[in-house]
Amino acid sequence: MTTNNKEYSIVPLHRRPELIKDCCILLNSEWPRSETARLESLTVSCDKFPTCLILINKENRVLGHCKISLIPKLRHSCFIQSVIIDYKCRSQGLGSRLLHGAEDYVKRRGFKNVYLTTKGQEVFYLKNGYKTCDPFKAYGINDVVYSTAAFTKSKLKEKSIQFSGPPPPPMPNFRMPKFYDFNAIAHRTHMVKTLQ
C-alpha cells in the first residue's frame, strides 16, 4: 500500500527498511528512548500488524509516523499510537494527511473502528472526526488504560480485594524515569472514530 500525491507518500515502514533509522530519530525527538529499544519496536512492522506507517516527501525524508496495532478484545477495531510529524513540518496539514492515510489503510483491511489515546492533542483528533470514549483494553487482559485517577483507583482497589496473603514488602526508594509517569498515563483521553 502506498498513498501518493506529487509531494508526499504514506508507506508501511517494513517496505522501506532503509528508513527505519530516520524513523527512530524522528520518534526519539519527541519521546526519547534508547536507540536499541526504539529500533526493536520499529522492526516489528509487518503486513499482519503491528504496522508502522511513515509519511515521506519526494526526497524520501521521513516527515511522520504512526503505528497501528490490533485490539484483541474489540472485533474490527485497531489502535493507533505514536502519531508524530517532524516539528519543522507541523501546522501544514501533514498530521491530518497521515491520520487519514492510516484510516484508509485499516479500512481496506476490514476495520470499522479506530481507537487512540492522547494527552494534549484532543482538538486535533476532534477536528479529524474522533470522539471521546470510555477506557478500552488496548492489548490484553490486564492492561486497561484508565482515563481518570479516580477510575484507576477504584479498579485497583477492586483488583486488590481479589488477592489474599501478606502484603508485599515496601518498594525500594528510587525515582521512576520520566517516561514512566503513571499519572500522565491515567489522565489520557480515550478517543474513537467509526470509519464510513
Protein backbone atom coordinates (compact mmCIF):
# COMPACT_ATOMS: atom_id res chain seq x y z
CA MET A 1 0.00 0.00 0.00
CA THR A 2 1.30 3.39 -0.93
CA THR A 3 -0.74 6.56 -0.80
CA ASN A 4 0.76 9.10 -3.16
CA ASN A 5 0.39 12.61 -4.33
CA LYS A 6 3.05 14.69 -6.04
CA GLU A 7 4.81 15.69 -2.83
CA TYR A 8 4.09 13.03 -0.18
CA SER A 9 3.68 9.27 0.20
CA ILE A 10 2.44 7.12 3.06
CA VAL A 11 4.11 3.72 3.07
CA PRO A 12 4.49 0.81 5.52
CA LEU A 13 7.90 1.13 7.17
CA HIS A 14 8.74 -2.56 6.60
CA ARG A 15 8.58 -1.90 2.84
CA ARG A 16 11.22 0.83 3.24
CA PRO A 17 13.65 -0.68 5.79
CA GLU A 18 16.37 1.78 4.80
CA LEU A 19 14.26 4.48 6.52
CA ILE A 20 13.99 2.74 9.91
CA LYS A 21 16.94 4.68 11.36
CA ASP A 22 15.42 8.02 10.25
CA CYS A 23 12.09 7.00 11.78
CA CYS A 24 13.89 6.14 15.02
CA ILE A 25 15.41 9.63 15.12
CA LEU A 26 12.01 11.24 14.50
CA LEU A 27 10.31 9.29 17.30
CA ASN A 28 13.16 9.89 19.74
CA SER A 29 12.95 13.64 19.07
CA GLU A 30 9.53 13.60 20.76
CA TRP A 31 9.69 10.58 23.09
CA PRO A 32 13.35 9.80 23.99
CA ARG A 33 14.14 6.11 24.32
CA SER A 34 17.23 4.01 23.82
CA GLU A 35 18.03 3.55 20.16
CA THR A 36 18.13 -0.22 20.59
CA ALA A 37 14.64 -0.37 22.12
CA ARG A 38 13.25 2.04 19.54
CA LEU A 39 14.74 0.13 16.59
CA GLU A 40 13.39 -3.12 18.03
CA SER A 41 9.87 -1.65 18.24
CA LEU A 42 10.08 -0.39 14.64
CA THR A 43 11.36 -3.61 13.11
CA VAL A 44 8.19 -5.50 14.17
CA SER A 45 6.23 -3.65 11.47
CA CYS A 46 4.59 -6.10 9.07
CA ASP A 47 1.52 -6.52 6.85
CA LYS A 48 -0.34 -8.53 9.52
CA PHE A 49 0.07 -5.92 12.32
CA PRO A 50 1.52 -4.16 14.10
CA THR A 51 2.22 -1.90 11.14
CA CYS A 52 4.21 1.31 11.21
CA LEU A 53 3.22 3.80 8.52
CA ILE A 54 5.51 6.64 7.55
CA LEU A 55 4.86 9.87 5.70
CA ILE A 56 7.74 10.71 3.37
CA ASN A 57 8.33 13.51 0.91
CA LYS A 58 9.57 13.16 -2.67
CA GLU A 59 13.18 13.25 -1.40
CA ASN A 60 12.38 10.20 0.81
CA ARG A 61 12.71 12.22 4.02
CA VAL A 62 10.65 10.78 6.92
CA LEU A 63 8.22 13.51 7.99
CA GLY A 64 5.72 11.47 10.02
CA HIS A 65 4.99 8.15 11.67
CA CYS A 66 2.13 6.22 13.25
CA LYS A 67 1.84 2.66 14.49
CA ILE A 68 -1.29 0.56 14.07
CA SER A 69 -1.95 -2.44 16.32
CA LEU A 70 -4.82 -4.88 16.70
CA ILE A 71 -7.12 -4.75 19.71
CA PRO A 72 -7.72 -8.42 20.54
CA LYS A 73 -10.88 -7.86 22.60
CA LEU A 74 -12.60 -5.49 20.13
CA ARG A 75 -13.62 -7.04 16.82
CA HIS A 76 -12.96 -5.00 13.66
CA SER A 77 -11.02 -2.44 15.71
CA CYS A 78 -7.45 -1.21 15.81
CA PHE A 79 -5.35 1.11 17.94
CA ILE A 80 -3.28 3.96 16.50
CA GLN A 81 -0.34 5.23 18.53
CA SER A 82 2.90 7.17 18.22
CA VAL A 83 1.42 9.66 15.76
CA ILE A 84 4.10 12.25 15.09
CA ILE A 85 5.04 14.83 12.49
CA ASP A 86 8.54 16.31 12.34
CA TYR A 87 8.40 19.54 14.36
CA LYS A 88 9.76 21.54 11.39
CA CYS A 89 6.80 20.42 9.26
CA ARG A 90 3.91 20.93 11.65
CA SER A 91 0.89 23.17 11.01
CA GLN A 92 0.85 22.26 7.31
CA GLY A 93 -1.90 19.64 7.40
CA LEU A 94 0.54 16.72 7.35
CA GLY A 95 -0.76 15.23 10.60
CA SER A 96 -4.28 15.02 9.15
CA ARG A 97 -2.87 13.60 5.93
CA LEU A 98 -1.02 10.86 7.85
CA LEU A 99 -4.05 10.09 10.03
CA HIS A 100 -6.38 9.82 7.01
CA GLY A 101 -3.83 7.61 5.25
CA ALA A 102 -3.74 5.31 8.29
CA GLU A 103 -7.56 5.21 8.35
CA ASP A 104 -7.67 4.30 4.64
CA TYR A 105 -5.05 1.60 5.26
CA VAL A 106 -7.08 -0.10 8.01
CA LYS A 107 -10.44 0.40 6.29
CA ARG A 108 -9.18 -1.58 3.27
CA ARG A 109 -8.37 -4.39 5.71
CA GLY A 110 -11.89 -4.52 7.12
CA PHE A 111 -11.53 -2.44 10.27
CA LYS A 112 -14.51 -0.35 11.32
CA ASN A 113 -13.27 1.45 14.45
CA VAL A 114 -10.01 3.25 15.15
CA TYR A 115 -9.10 3.87 18.80
CA LEU A 116 -6.35 6.01 20.27
CA THR A 117 -5.29 7.75 23.46
CA THR A 118 -3.93 11.26 23.67
CA LYS A 119 -2.91 13.90 26.15
CA GLY A 120 -2.98 17.44 24.87
CA GLN A 121 -3.90 16.74 21.23
CA GLU A 122 -7.64 16.28 21.69
CA VAL A 123 -8.54 19.28 19.47
CA PHE A 124 -6.53 17.82 16.57
CA TYR A 125 -8.31 14.47 16.82
CA LEU A 126 -11.75 16.05 17.28
CA LYS A 127 -11.10 18.10 14.13
CA ASN A 128 -10.36 14.81 12.34
CA GLY A 129 -13.64 13.15 13.34
CA TYR A 130 -12.69 11.37 16.58
CA LYS A 131 -14.93 11.35 19.66
CA THR A 132 -14.07 10.74 23.28
CA CYS A 133 -14.95 7.30 24.59
CA ASP A 134 -14.71 5.12 27.68
CA PRO A 135 -11.38 3.49 28.53
CA PHE A 136 -10.64 0.38 26.48
CA LYS A 137 -8.32 -2.60 26.57
CA ALA A 138 -5.60 -1.91 24.06
CA TYR A 139 -3.55 -5.11 24.22
CA GLY A 140 -4.72 -7.86 26.50
CA ILE A 141 -6.19 -9.00 29.77
CA ASN A 142 -4.81 -6.66 32.45
CA ASP A 143 -3.79 -3.60 30.52
CA VAL A 144 -6.79 -1.30 30.56
CA VAL A 145 -5.58 2.25 30.12
CA TYR A 146 -7.68 4.30 32.52
CA SER A 147 -8.73 7.87 31.78
CA THR A 148 -9.06 9.29 35.28
CA ALA A 149 -7.21 8.85 38.54
CA ALA A 150 -10.48 8.09 40.39
CA PHE A 151 -11.36 5.37 37.87
CA THR A 152 -7.86 3.91 38.20
CA LYS A 153 -8.03 3.90 42.00
CA SER A 154 -11.41 2.15 42.05
CA LYS A 155 -10.23 -0.51 39.59
CA LEU A 156 -7.00 -1.10 41.51
CA LYS A 157 -8.99 -1.40 44.75
CA GLU A 158 -11.25 -4.00 43.10
CA LYS A 159 -8.22 -6.00 42.00
CA SER A 160 -6.53 -5.81 45.43
CA ILE A 161 -9.58 -7.41 47.07
CA GLN A 162 -9.13 -10.48 44.88
CA PHE A 163 -5.70 -11.31 46.33
CA SER A 164 -5.01 -12.81 49.74
CA GLY A 165 -1.90 -13.35 51.80
CA PRO A 166 0.57 -10.95 53.36
CA PRO A 167 1.21 -7.62 51.68
CA PRO A 168 4.34 -7.34 49.53
CA PRO A 169 7.46 -5.75 51.00
CA PRO A 170 7.85 -1.99 50.51
CA MET A 171 9.27 -0.80 47.21
CA PRO A 172 12.88 0.39 47.18
CA ASN A 173 13.28 4.14 47.39
CA PHE A 174 14.05 5.30 43.86
CA ARG A 175 12.61 7.69 41.29
CA MET A 176 10.94 6.30 38.21
CA PRO A 177 12.30 7.67 34.94
CA LYS A 178 10.25 10.46 33.36
CA PHE A 179 8.75 8.18 30.70
CA TYR A 180 7.08 6.09 33.45
CA ASP A 181 4.75 8.88 34.51
CA PHE A 182 1.78 6.74 35.52
CA ASN A 183 -0.22 9.84 36.46
CA ALA A 184 0.12 11.11 32.89
CA ILE A 185 -0.98 7.75 31.51
CA ALA A 186 -4.01 7.74 33.81
CA HIS A 187 -5.12 11.16 32.53
CA ARG A 188 -5.04 10.37 28.85
CA THR A 189 -8.16 10.96 26.78
CA HIS A 190 -9.54 7.90 25.00
CA MET A 191 -10.95 8.50 21.55
CA VAL A 192 -12.59 6.51 18.76
CA LYS A 193 -13.61 7.06 15.16
CA THR A 194 -16.02 4.84 13.26
CA LEU A 195 -14.88 4.57 9.65
CA GLN A 196 -17.50 5.21 6.98
